Amino acid sequence: MLRDITIGQHFPGNSIIHRCDPRLKIVATIAYIVVLFMASNPLGIALSLGFLVLLYRVAKIPLRLILKSLKPIVPIVLFTAVLNLFFITGQGEPLFSLGFLHIYREGVSYAVLMAVRIIALIAGTSLLTYTTSPIVLTDAIEALLKPLSKIHLPVHELAMMMTIALRFIPLLIDETEKIMNAQKARGAMLDNGKFMERIRALVPVLIPLFISAFRRADELAMAMECRCYHGGEGRTRLKVLRFGRDDVKCAVGLVVCLGIILATRWFVPGI
């Protein structure tokens, strides 16, 4: 299960989405999330999924990576769907009743809608990290937050912290799996027993994981000091971010597609 978490991983490629300006990709991801939750009808959600599938096909991201990114959120999706299923009331007779719990048609529709929204949300944000390397992502975040430097906000340091945290996710996942395998080899019962017993069995995993995380952080800090890193003051970049023709085409296509999806909110009846 731990290897199924693909947040922060980069899938190298040479598609137009990989070559697209990272600032545009970040803005596009935020815009897609906003439009996804503003689309309140099945047509809008269907168009959102179709647009996302098209982007994955253009980026040539393997299907297995998409499924891996969605597998860890299945419990969250099911939990959200069940809550909406039983707590969304509607008009008319319920489809199913069990004591004080009633399931209405509106509850079923809204549960399916929220489940699909969460899946599209995770898949959409995963596409950003799949097609953008951590270094380029750092430069894009810093460029987008640069206006905040006028109020003395440490923009470069914030961007660096966010990217380091994102980059550490796969490393910590691999480290956790190694520690769990080592503890299982020593006879630790991590997958069996009652709930509280399994929670207590995680203590021998969490302590080495915290020690490893602090050791990695200390090594990273020492490496940055050895390279005379003192923040973003006076720093230059090997590759300067610039908008090109492909970026303009992608931006126009994005505005058109998201505009069509958003238009369904007013011109197509909701659930």
C-alpha atoms as a PDB file:
ATOM      1  CA  MET A   1       0.000   0.000   0.000  1.00  0.00           C
ATOM      2  CA  LEU A   2       2.834   2.392   0.807  1.00  0.00           C
ATOM      3  CA  ARG A   3       4.289   2.095  -2.690  1.00  0.00           C
ATOM      4  CA  ASP A   4       0.892   3.058  -4.091  1.00  0.00           C
ATOM      5  CA  ILE A   5       1.333   6.605  -2.770  1.00  0.00           C
ATOM      6  CA  THR A   6       2.702   8.504  -5.769  1.00  0.00           C
ATOM      7  CA  ILE A   7       2.466  12.067  -4.444  1.00  0.00           C
ATOM      8  CA  GLY A   8       5.634  13.984  -5.254  1.00  0.00           C
ATOM      9  CA  GLN A   9       6.908  11.517  -7.848  1.00  0.00           C
ATOM     10  CA  HIS A  10       8.037  12.735 -11.266  1.00  0.00           C
ATOM     11  CA  PHE A  11       7.496  10.764 -14.473  1.00  0.00           C
ATOM     12  CA  PRO A  12       9.979  12.047 -17.106  1.00  0.00           C
ATOM     13  CA  GLY A  13       8.675  12.691 -20.596  1.00  0.00           C
ATOM     14  CA  ASN A  14       8.821  15.005 -23.589  1.00  0.00           C
ATOM     15  CA  SER A  15       5.150  15.740 -24.189  1.00  0.00           C
ATOM     16  CA  ILE A  16       3.778  19.242 -24.600  1.00  0.00           C
ATOM     17  CA  ILE A  17       2.483  19.060 -21.031  1.00  0.00           C
ATOM     18  CA  HIS A  18       5.955  18.191 -19.721  1.00  0.00           C
ATOM     19  CA  ARG A  19       7.434  21.118 -21.661  1.00  0.00           C
ATOM     20  CA  CYS A  20       4.696  23.516 -20.607  1.00  0.00           C
ATOM     21  CA  ASP A  21       5.632  26.393 -18.292  1.00  0.00           C
ATOM     22  CA  PRO A  22       5.325  25.155 -14.686  1.00  0.00           C
ATOM     23  CA  ARG A  23       3.662  28.397 -13.586  1.00  0.00           C
ATOM     24  CA  LEU A  24       0.888  27.754 -16.079  1.00  0.00           C
ATOM     25  CA  LYS A  25       0.526  24.182 -14.837  1.00  0.00           C
ATOM     26  CA  ILE A  26       0.164  25.305 -11.227  1.00  0.00           C
ATOM     27  CA  VAL A  27      -2.445  27.930 -12.137  1.00  0.00           C
ATOM     28  CA  ALA A  28      -4.207  25.391 -14.372  1.00  0.00           C
ATOM     29  CA  THR A  29      -4.333  22.850 -11.529  1.00  0.00           C
ATOM     30  CA  ILE A  30      -5.869  25.391  -9.163  1.00  0.00           C
ATOM     31  CA  ALA A  31      -8.363  26.490 -11.820  1.00  0.00           C
ATOM     32  CA  TYR A  32      -9.298  22.869 -12.549  1.00  0.00           C
ATOM     33  CA  ILE A  33      -9.990  22.212  -8.852  1.00  0.00           C
ATOM     34  CA  VAL A  34     -12.193  25.319  -8.620  1.00  0.00           C
ATOM     35  CA  VAL A  35     -14.131  24.417 -11.766  1.00  0.00           C
ATOM     36  CA  LEU A  36     -14.436  20.804 -10.615  1.00  0.00           C
ATOM     37  CA  PHE A  37     -16.258  21.843  -7.455  1.00  0.00           C
ATOM     38  CA  MET A  38     -18.324  24.497  -9.198  1.00  0.00           C
ATOM     39  CA  ALA A  39     -19.655  21.963 -11.733  1.00  0.00           C
ATOM     40  CA  SER A  40     -22.861  20.822 -10.040  1.00  0.00           C
ATOM     41  CA  ASN A  41     -24.300  18.468 -12.641  1.00  0.00           C
ATOM     42  CA  PRO A  42     -23.349  15.103 -14.192  1.00  0.00           C
ATOM     43  CA  LEU A  43     -22.475  16.671 -17.563  1.00  0.00           C
ATOM     44  CA  GLY A  44     -19.971  19.058 -15.983  1.00  0.00           C
ATOM     45  CA  ILE A  45     -18.336  16.242 -14.005  1.00  0.00           C
ATOM     46  CA  ALA A  46     -18.236  14.030 -17.100  1.00  0.00           C
ATOM     47  CA  LEU A  47     -16.576  16.798 -19.117  1.00  0.00           C
ATOM     48  CA  SER A  48     -14.076  17.359 -16.274  1.00  0.00           C
ATOM     49  CA  LEU A  49     -13.128  13.672 -16.304  1.00  0.00           C
ATOM     50  CA  GLY A  50     -12.910  13.653 -20.098  1.00  0.00           C
ATOM     51  CA  PHE A  51     -10.617  16.695 -20.041  1.00  0.00           C
ATOM     52  CA  LEU A  52      -8.415  14.999 -17.424  1.00  0.00           C
ATOM     53  CA  VAL A  53      -8.232  11.752 -19.422  1.00  0.00           C
ATOM     54  CA  LEU A  54      -7.213  13.767 -22.485  1.00  0.00           C
ATOM     55  CA  LEU A  55      -4.388  15.439 -20.556  1.00  0.00           C
ATOM     56  CA  TYR A  56      -3.112  12.081 -19.303  1.00  0.00           C
ATOM     57  CA  ARG A  57      -3.182  10.693 -22.844  1.00  0.00           C
ATOM     58  CA  VAL A  58      -1.243  13.697 -24.168  1.00  0.00           C
ATOM     59  CA  ALA A  59       1.297  13.410 -21.330  1.00  0.00           C
ATOM     60  CA  LYS A  60       1.618   9.644 -22.020  1.00  0.00           C
ATOM     61  CA  ILE A  61       1.314   8.767 -18.345  1.00  0.00           C
ATOM     62  CA  PRO A  62       0.860   4.987 -17.908  1.00  0.00           C
ATOM     63  CA  LEU A  63      -2.487   3.783 -16.604  1.00  0.00           C
ATOM     64  CA  ARG A  64      -0.802   1.921 -13.746  1.00  0.00           C
ATOM     65  CA  LEU A  65       0.483   5.191 -12.271  1.00  0.00           C
ATOM     66  CA  ILE A  66      -3.016   6.668 -12.318  1.00  0.00           C
ATOM     67  CA  LEU A  67      -4.427   3.607 -10.569  1.00  0.00           C
ATOM     68  CA  LYS A  68      -1.605   3.685  -8.012  1.00  0.00           C
ATOM     69  CA  SER A  69      -2.349   7.306  -7.174  1.00  0.00           C
ATOM     70  CA  LEU A  70      -6.052   6.510  -6.669  1.00  0.00           C
ATOM     71  CA  LYS A  71      -5.708   3.256  -4.704  1.00  0.00           C
ATOM     72  CA  PRO A  72      -4.758   4.832  -1.314  1.00  0.00           C
ATOM     73  CA  ILE A  73      -7.785   7.163  -1.364  1.00  0.00           C
ATOM     74  CA  VAL A  74     -10.371   4.396  -1.861  1.00  0.00           C
ATOM     75  CA  PRO A  75     -11.239   4.301   1.897  1.00  0.00           C
ATOM     76  CA  ILE A  76     -11.680   8.100   1.939  1.00  0.00           C
ATOM     77  CA  VAL A  77     -13.889   7.972  -1.151  1.00  0.00           C
ATOM     78  CA  LEU A  78     -16.037   5.198   0.313  1.00  0.00           C
ATOM     79  CA  PHE A  79     -16.342   6.976   3.674  1.00  0.00           C
ATOM     80  CA  THR A  80     -17.371  10.235   1.993  1.00  0.00           C
ATOM     81  CA  ALA A  81     -19.857   8.438  -0.240  1.00  0.00           C
ATOM     82  CA  VAL A  82     -21.486   6.656   2.720  1.00  0.00           C
ATOM     83  CA  LEU A  83     -21.835   9.904   4.673  1.00  0.00           C
ATOM     84  CA  ASN A  84     -23.504  11.646   1.738  1.00  0.00           C
ATOM     85  CA  LEU A  85     -25.605   8.578   1.040  1.00  0.00           C
ATOM     86  CA  PHE A  86     -27.254   8.537   4.456  1.00  0.00           C
ATOM     87  CA  PHE A  87     -27.220  12.213   5.438  1.00  0.00           C
ATOM     88  CA  ILE A  88     -28.477  13.879   2.248  1.00  0.00           C
ATOM     89  CA  THR A  89     -32.263  14.050   2.422  1.00  0.00           C
ATOM     90  CA  GLY A  90     -34.613  14.509  -0.486  1.00  0.00           C
ATOM     91  CA  GLN A  91     -38.228  14.796  -1.432  1.00  0.00           C
ATOM     92  CA  GLY A  92     -40.601  11.905  -1.864  1.00  0.00           C
ATOM     93  CA  GLU A  93     -40.296   8.346  -0.618  1.00  0.00           C
ATOM     94  CA  PRO A  94     -36.850   7.007   0.318  1.00  0.00           C
ATOM     95  CA  LEU A  95     -35.306   4.309  -1.846  1.00  0.00           C
ATOM     96  CA  PHE A  96     -34.221   2.337   1.212  1.00  0.00           C
ATOM     97  CA  SER A  97     -34.856   2.600   4.951  1.00  0.00           C
ATOM     98  CA  LEU A  98     -33.069   0.990   7.874  1.00  0.00           C
ATOM     99  CA  GLY A  99     -34.397   2.237  11.174  1.00  0.00           C
ATOM    100  CA  PHE A 100     -33.760   5.970  11.346  1.00  0.00           C
ATOM    101  CA  LEU A 101     -31.485   5.852   8.295  1.00  0.00           C
ATOM    102  CA  HIS A 102     -33.059   6.674   4.945  1.00  0.00           C
ATOM    103  CA  ILE A 103     -31.505   6.683   1.483  1.00  0.00           C
ATOM    104  CA  TYR A 104     -32.992   9.071  -1.068  1.00  0.00           C
ATOM    105  CA  ARG A 105     -32.331   9.434  -4.769  1.00  0.00           C
ATOM    106  CA  GLU A 106     -30.705  12.799  -4.127  1.00  0.00           C
ATOM    107  CA  GLY A 107     -28.369  11.178  -1.597  1.00  0.00           C
ATOM    108  CA  VAL A 108     -27.264   8.522  -4.082  1.00  0.00           C
ATOM    109  CA  SER A 109     -26.656  11.137  -6.795  1.00  0.00           C
ATOM    110  CA  TYR A 110     -24.708  13.425  -4.481  1.00  0.00           C
ATOM    111  CA  ALA A 111     -22.642  10.522  -3.088  1.00  0.00           C
ATOM    112  CA  VAL A 112     -21.607   9.473  -6.593  1.00  0.00           C
ATOM    113  CA  LEU A 113     -20.883  13.103  -7.515  1.00  0.00           C
ATOM    114  CA  MET A 114     -18.615  13.659  -4.499  1.00  0.00           C
ATOM    115  CA  ALA A 115     -16.787  10.366  -5.042  1.00  0.00           C
ATOM    116  CA  VAL A 116     -16.035  11.261  -8.649  1.00  0.00           C
ATOM    117  CA  ARG A 117     -14.963  14.768  -7.607  1.00  0.00           C
ATOM    118  CA  ILE A 118     -12.439  13.421  -5.093  1.00  0.00           C
ATOM    119  CA  ILE A 119     -11.036  10.966  -7.644  1.00  0.00           C
ATOM    120  CA  ALA A 120     -10.697  13.732 -10.252  1.00  0.00           C
ATOM    121  CA  LEU A 121      -9.117  16.024  -7.640  1.00  0.00           C
ATOM    122  CA  ILE A 122      -6.384  13.521  -6.749  1.00  0.00           C
ATOM    123  CA  ALA A 123      -5.765  12.571 -10.380  1.00  0.00           C
ATOM    124  CA  GLY A 124      -5.586  16.223 -11.427  1.00  0.00           C
ATOM    125  CA  THR A 125      -3.077  17.213  -8.751  1.00  0.00           C
ATOM    126  CA  SER A 126      -1.020  14.074  -9.397  1.00  0.00           C
ATOM    127  CA  LEU A 127      -0.657  15.119 -13.041  1.00  0.00           C
ATOM    128  CA  LEU A 128       1.162  18.259 -11.882  1.00  0.00           C
ATOM    129  CA  THR A 129       3.865  16.316 -10.021  1.00  0.00           C
ATOM    130  CA  TYR A 130       4.071  13.633 -12.710  1.00  0.00           C
ATOM    131  CA  THR A 131       4.955  16.179 -15.392  1.00  0.00           C
ATOM    132  CA  THR A 132       7.010  18.678 -13.358  1.00  0.00           C
ATOM    133  CA  SER A 133      10.358  18.046 -11.683  1.00  0.00           C
ATOM    134  CA  PRO A 134      10.816  19.288  -8.084  1.00  0.00           C
ATOM    135  CA  ILE A 135      13.463  21.853  -9.080  1.00  0.00           C
ATOM    136  CA  VAL A 136      11.289  23.402 -11.771  1.00  0.00           C
ATOM    137  CA  LEU A 137       8.328  23.314  -9.399  1.00  0.00           C
ATOM    138  CA  THR A 138      10.338  25.299  -6.849  1.00  0.00           C
ATOM    139  CA  ASP A 139      11.114  28.012  -9.411  1.00  0.00           C
ATOM    140  CA  ALA A 140       7.455  28.182 -10.459  1.00  0.00           C
ATOM    141  CA  ILE A 141       6.148  28.498  -6.906  1.00  0.00           C
ATOM    142  CA  GLU A 142       8.692  31.203  -6.137  1.00  0.00           C
ATOM    143  CA  ALA A 143       7.781  33.111  -9.308  1.00  0.00           C
ATOM    144  CA  LEU A 144       4.068  32.982  -8.482  1.00  0.00           C
ATOM    145  CA  LEU A 145       4.641  34.112  -4.906  1.00  0.00           C
ATOM    146  CA  LYS A 146       7.142  36.835  -5.846  1.00  0.00           C
ATOM    147  CA  PRO A 147       4.651  39.732  -5.415  1.00  0.00           C
ATOM    148  CA  LEU A 148       4.411  38.783  -1.725  1.00  0.00           C
ATOM    149  CA  SER A 149       8.095  39.630  -1.280  1.00  0.00           C
ATOM    150  CA  LYS A 150       7.099  43.311  -1.315  1.00  0.00           C
ATOM    151  CA  ILE A 151       5.578  42.763   2.153  1.00  0.00           C
ATOM    152  CA  HIS A 152       8.858  41.084   3.271  1.00  0.00           C
ATOM    153  CA  LEU A 153       7.546  37.539   3.006  1.00  0.00           C
ATOM    154  CA  PRO A 154      10.423  35.023   2.541  1.00  0.00           C
ATOM    155  CA  VAL A 155       9.127  33.761  -0.792  1.00  0.00           C
ATOM    156  CA  HIS A 156      12.219  31.785  -1.800  1.00  0.00           C
ATOM    157  CA  GLU A 157      12.431  30.023   1.548  1.00  0.00           C
ATOM    158  CA  LEU A 158       8.715  29.158   1.479  1.00  0.00           C
ATOM    159  CA  ALA A 159       9.008  27.703  -2.027  1.00  0.00           C
ATOM    160  CA  MET A 160      12.068  25.718  -1.017  1.00  0.00           C
ATOM    161  CA  MET A 161      10.310  24.334   2.069  1.00  0.00           C
ATOM    162  CA  MET A 162       7.240  23.288   0.082  1.00  0.00           C
ATOM    163  CA  THR A 163       9.309  21.527  -2.561  1.00  0.00           C
ATOM    164  CA  ILE A 164      11.571  19.776  -0.058  1.00  0.00           C
ATOM    165  CA  ALA A 165       8.494  18.526   1.798  1.00  0.00           C
ATOM    166  CA  LEU A 166       7.019  17.283  -1.480  1.00  0.00           C
ATOM    167  CA  ARG A 167      10.283  15.610  -2.428  1.00  0.00           C
ATOM    168  CA  PHE A 168      10.609  13.915   0.973  1.00  0.00           C
ATOM    169  CA  ILE A 169       7.264  12.112   0.660  1.00  0.00           C
ATOM    170  CA  PRO A 170       8.513   9.298  -1.626  1.00  0.00           C
ATOM    171  CA  LEU A 171      11.733   9.021   0.399  1.00  0.00           C
ATOM    172  CA  LEU A 172       9.847   8.620   3.681  1.00  0.00           C
ATOM    173  CA  ILE A 173       7.481   6.105   2.080  1.00  0.00           C
ATOM    174  CA  ASP A 174      10.421   3.959   0.962  1.00  0.00           C
ATOM    175  CA  GLU A 175      12.040   4.308   4.387  1.00  0.00           C
ATOM    176  CA  THR A 176       8.806   3.288   6.127  1.00  0.00           C
ATOM    177  CA  GLU A 177       8.479   0.181   3.979  1.00  0.00           C
ATOM    178  CA  LYS A 178      12.081  -0.821   4.691  1.00  0.00           C
ATOM    179  CA  ILE A 179      11.580  -0.400   8.441  1.00  0.00           C
ATOM    180  CA  MET A 180       8.306  -2.371   8.382  1.00  0.00           C
ATOM    181  CA  ASN A 181       9.945  -5.214   6.464  1.00  0.00           C
ATOM    182  CA  ALA A 182      12.835  -5.234   8.926  1.00  0.00           C
ATOM    183  CA  GLN A 183      10.457  -5.362  11.907  1.00  0.00           C
ATOM    184  CA  LYS A 184       8.437  -8.164  10.290  1.00  0.00           C
ATOM    185  CA  ALA A 185      11.654 -10.120   9.763  1.00  0.00           C
ATOM    186  CA  ARG A 186      12.242  -9.798  13.523  1.00  0.00           C
ATOM    187  CA  GLY A 187       8.795 -11.244  14.271  1.00  0.00           C
ATOM    188  CA  ALA A 188       6.712  -8.060  14.647  1.00  0.00           C
ATOM    189  CA  MET A 189       3.008  -8.650  13.960  1.00  0.00           C
ATOM    190  CA  LEU A 190       2.114  -5.451  12.103  1.00  0.00           C
ATOM    191  CA  ASP A 191      -0.757  -6.804  10.011  1.00  0.00           C
ATOM    192  CA  ASN A 192      -2.502  -9.057  12.529  1.00  0.00           C
ATOM    193  CA  GLY A 193      -4.348  -8.631  15.805  1.00  0.00           C
ATOM    194  CA  LYS A 194      -6.966  -6.210  17.044  1.00  0.00           C
ATOM    195  CA  PHE A 195      -7.038  -2.522  16.166  1.00  0.00           C
ATOM    196  CA  MET A 196      -5.302  -1.294  19.339  1.00  0.00           C
ATOM    197  CA  GLU A 197      -2.725  -4.070  19.107  1.00  0.00           C
ATOM    198  CA  ARG A 198      -1.879  -3.027  15.556  1.00  0.00           C
ATOM    199  CA  ILE A 199      -1.595   0.602  16.680  1.00  0.00           C
ATOM    200  CA  ARG A 200       0.837  -0.357  19.460  1.00  0.00           C
ATOM    201  CA  ALA A 201       2.791  -2.506  17.015  1.00  0.00           C
ATOM    202  CA  LEU A 202       3.497   0.616  14.929  1.00  0.00           C
ATOM    203  CA  VAL A 203       5.612   2.162  17.712  1.00  0.00           C
ATOM    204  CA  PRO A 204       8.746   0.195  16.664  1.00  0.00           C
ATOM    205  CA  VAL A 205       8.181   1.587  13.166  1.00  0.00           C
ATOM    206  CA  LEU A 206       7.495   5.225  14.032  1.00  0.00           C
ATOM    207  CA  ILE A 207      10.523   5.724  16.289  1.00  0.00           C
ATOM    208  CA  PRO A 208      13.136   4.645  13.678  1.00  0.00           C
ATOM    209  CA  LEU A 209      11.192   6.577  11.030  1.00  0.00           C
ATOM    210  CA  PHE A 210      11.385   9.812  13.052  1.00  0.00           C
ATOM    211  CA  ILE A 211      15.095   9.234  13.681  1.00  0.00           C
ATOM    212  CA  SER A 212      15.678   8.620   9.967  1.00  0.00           C
ATOM    213  CA  ALA A 213      13.690  11.730   9.014  1.00  0.00           C
ATOM    214  CA  PHE A 214      15.690  13.951  11.384  1.00  0.00           C
ATOM    215  CA  ARG A 215      18.945  12.414  10.136  1.00  0.00           C
ATOM    216  CA  ARG A 216      17.998  13.113   6.515  1.00  0.00           C
ATOM    217  CA  ALA A 217      17.007  16.682   7.426  1.00  0.00           C
ATOM    218  CA  ASP A 218      20.342  17.211   9.188  1.00  0.00           C
ATOM    219  CA  GLU A 219      22.271  15.825   6.207  1.00  0.00           C
ATOM    220  CA  LEU A 220      20.313  18.059   3.838  1.00  0.00           C
ATOM    221  CA  ALA A 221      20.963  21.138   5.991  1.00  0.00           C
ATOM    222  CA  MET A 222      24.670  20.332   6.141  1.00  0.00           C
ATOM    223  CA  ALA A 223      24.826  19.836   2.361  1.00  0.00           C
ATOM    224  CA  MET A 224      23.119  23.190   1.787  1.00  0.00           C
ATOM    225  CA  GLU A 225      25.537  24.938   4.164  1.00  0.00           C
ATOM    226  CA  CYS A 226      28.532  23.327   2.437  1.00  0.00           C
ATOM    227  CA  ARG A 227      27.262  24.778  -0.835  1.00  0.00           C
ATOM    228  CA  CYS A 228      27.042  28.237   0.784  1.00  0.00           C
ATOM    229  CA  TYR A 229      23.261  28.394   0.605  1.00  0.00           C
ATOM    230  CA  HIS A 230      21.999  31.537   2.364  1.00  0.00           C
ATOM    231  CA  GLY A 231      18.496  31.926   0.962  1.00  0.00           C
ATOM    232  CA  GLY A 232      17.288  33.555  -2.206  1.00  0.00           C
ATOM    233  CA  GLU A 233      19.145  36.865  -1.855  1.00  0.00           C
ATOM    234  CA  GLY A 234      21.132  37.519  -5.039  1.00  0.00           C
ATOM    235  CA  ARG A 235      20.638  34.014  -6.451  1.00  0.00           C
ATOM    236  CA  THR A 236      20.412  33.417 -10.197  1.00  0.00           C
ATOM    237  CA  ARG A 237      19.048  30.479 -12.201  1.00  0.00           C
ATOM    238  CA  LEU A 238      20.521  28.348 -14.929  1.00  0.00           C
ATOM    239  CA  LYS A 239      17.169  28.220 -16.747  1.00  0.00           C
ATOM    240  CA  VAL A 240      14.899  31.262 -16.618  1.00  0.00           C
ATOM    241  CA  LEU A 241      11.179  30.581 -16.956  1.00  0.00           C
ATOM    242  CA  ARG A 242       9.699  32.118 -20.101  1.00  0.00           C
ATOM    243  CA  PHE A 243       6.354  31.774 -21.847  1.00  0.00           C
ATOM    244  CA  GLY A 244       6.561  30.389 -25.376  1.00  0.00           C
ATOM    245  CA  ARG A 245       4.136  29.724 -28.202  1.00  0.00           C
ATOM    246  CA  ASP A 246       3.245  26.290 -26.877  1.00  0.00           C
ATOM    247  CA  ASP A 247       2.438  27.848 -23.497  1.00  0.00           C
ATOM    248  CA  VAL A 248       0.098  30.354 -25.137  1.00  0.00           C
ATOM    249  CA  LYS A 249      -1.651  27.557 -27.058  1.00  0.00           C
ATOM    250  CA  CYS A 250      -2.017  25.510 -23.861  1.00  0.00           C
ATOM    251  CA  ALA A 251      -3.388  28.521 -21.978  1.00  0.00           C
ATOM    252  CA  VAL A 252      -5.980  29.234 -24.685  1.00  0.00           C
ATOM    253  CA  GLY A 253      -7.020  25.577 -24.806  1.00  0.00           C
ATOM    254  CA  LEU A 254      -7.265  25.486 -21.028  1.00  0.00           C
ATOM    255  CA  VAL A 255      -9.474  28.577 -20.867  1.00  0.00           C
ATOM    256  CA  VAL A 256     -11.771  27.202 -23.568  1.00  0.00           C
ATOM    257  CA  CYS A 257     -12.126  23.745 -21.982  1.00  0.00           C
ATOM    258  CA  LEU A 258     -12.625  25.008 -18.432  1.00  0.00           C
ATOM    259  CA  GLY A 259     -15.036  27.659 -19.728  1.00  0.00           C
ATOM    260  CA  ILE A 260     -17.168  24.988 -21.377  1.00  0.00           C
ATOM    261  CA  ILE A 261     -17.182  22.908 -18.198  1.00  0.00           C
ATOM    262  CA  LEU A 262     -18.076  25.939 -16.095  1.00  0.00           C
ATOM    263  CA  ALA A 263     -20.868  26.937 -18.486  1.00  0.00           C
ATOM    264  CA  THR A 264     -22.708  23.704 -17.695  1.00  0.00           C
ATOM    265  CA  ARG A 265     -23.326  25.089 -14.200  1.00  0.00           C
ATOM    266  CA  TRP A 266     -25.791  27.673 -15.584  1.00  0.00           C
ATOM    267  CA  PHE A 267     -27.053  26.116 -18.803  1.00  0.00           C
ATOM    268  CA  VAL A 268     -27.538  22.508 -17.643  1.00  0.00           C
ATOM    269  CA  PRO A 269     -29.793  21.605 -14.681  1.00  0.00           C
ATOM    270  CA  GLY A 270     -28.019  20.293 -11.608  1.00  0.00           C
ATOM    271  CA  ILE A 271     -28.747  17.179  -9.638  1.00  0.00           C
END
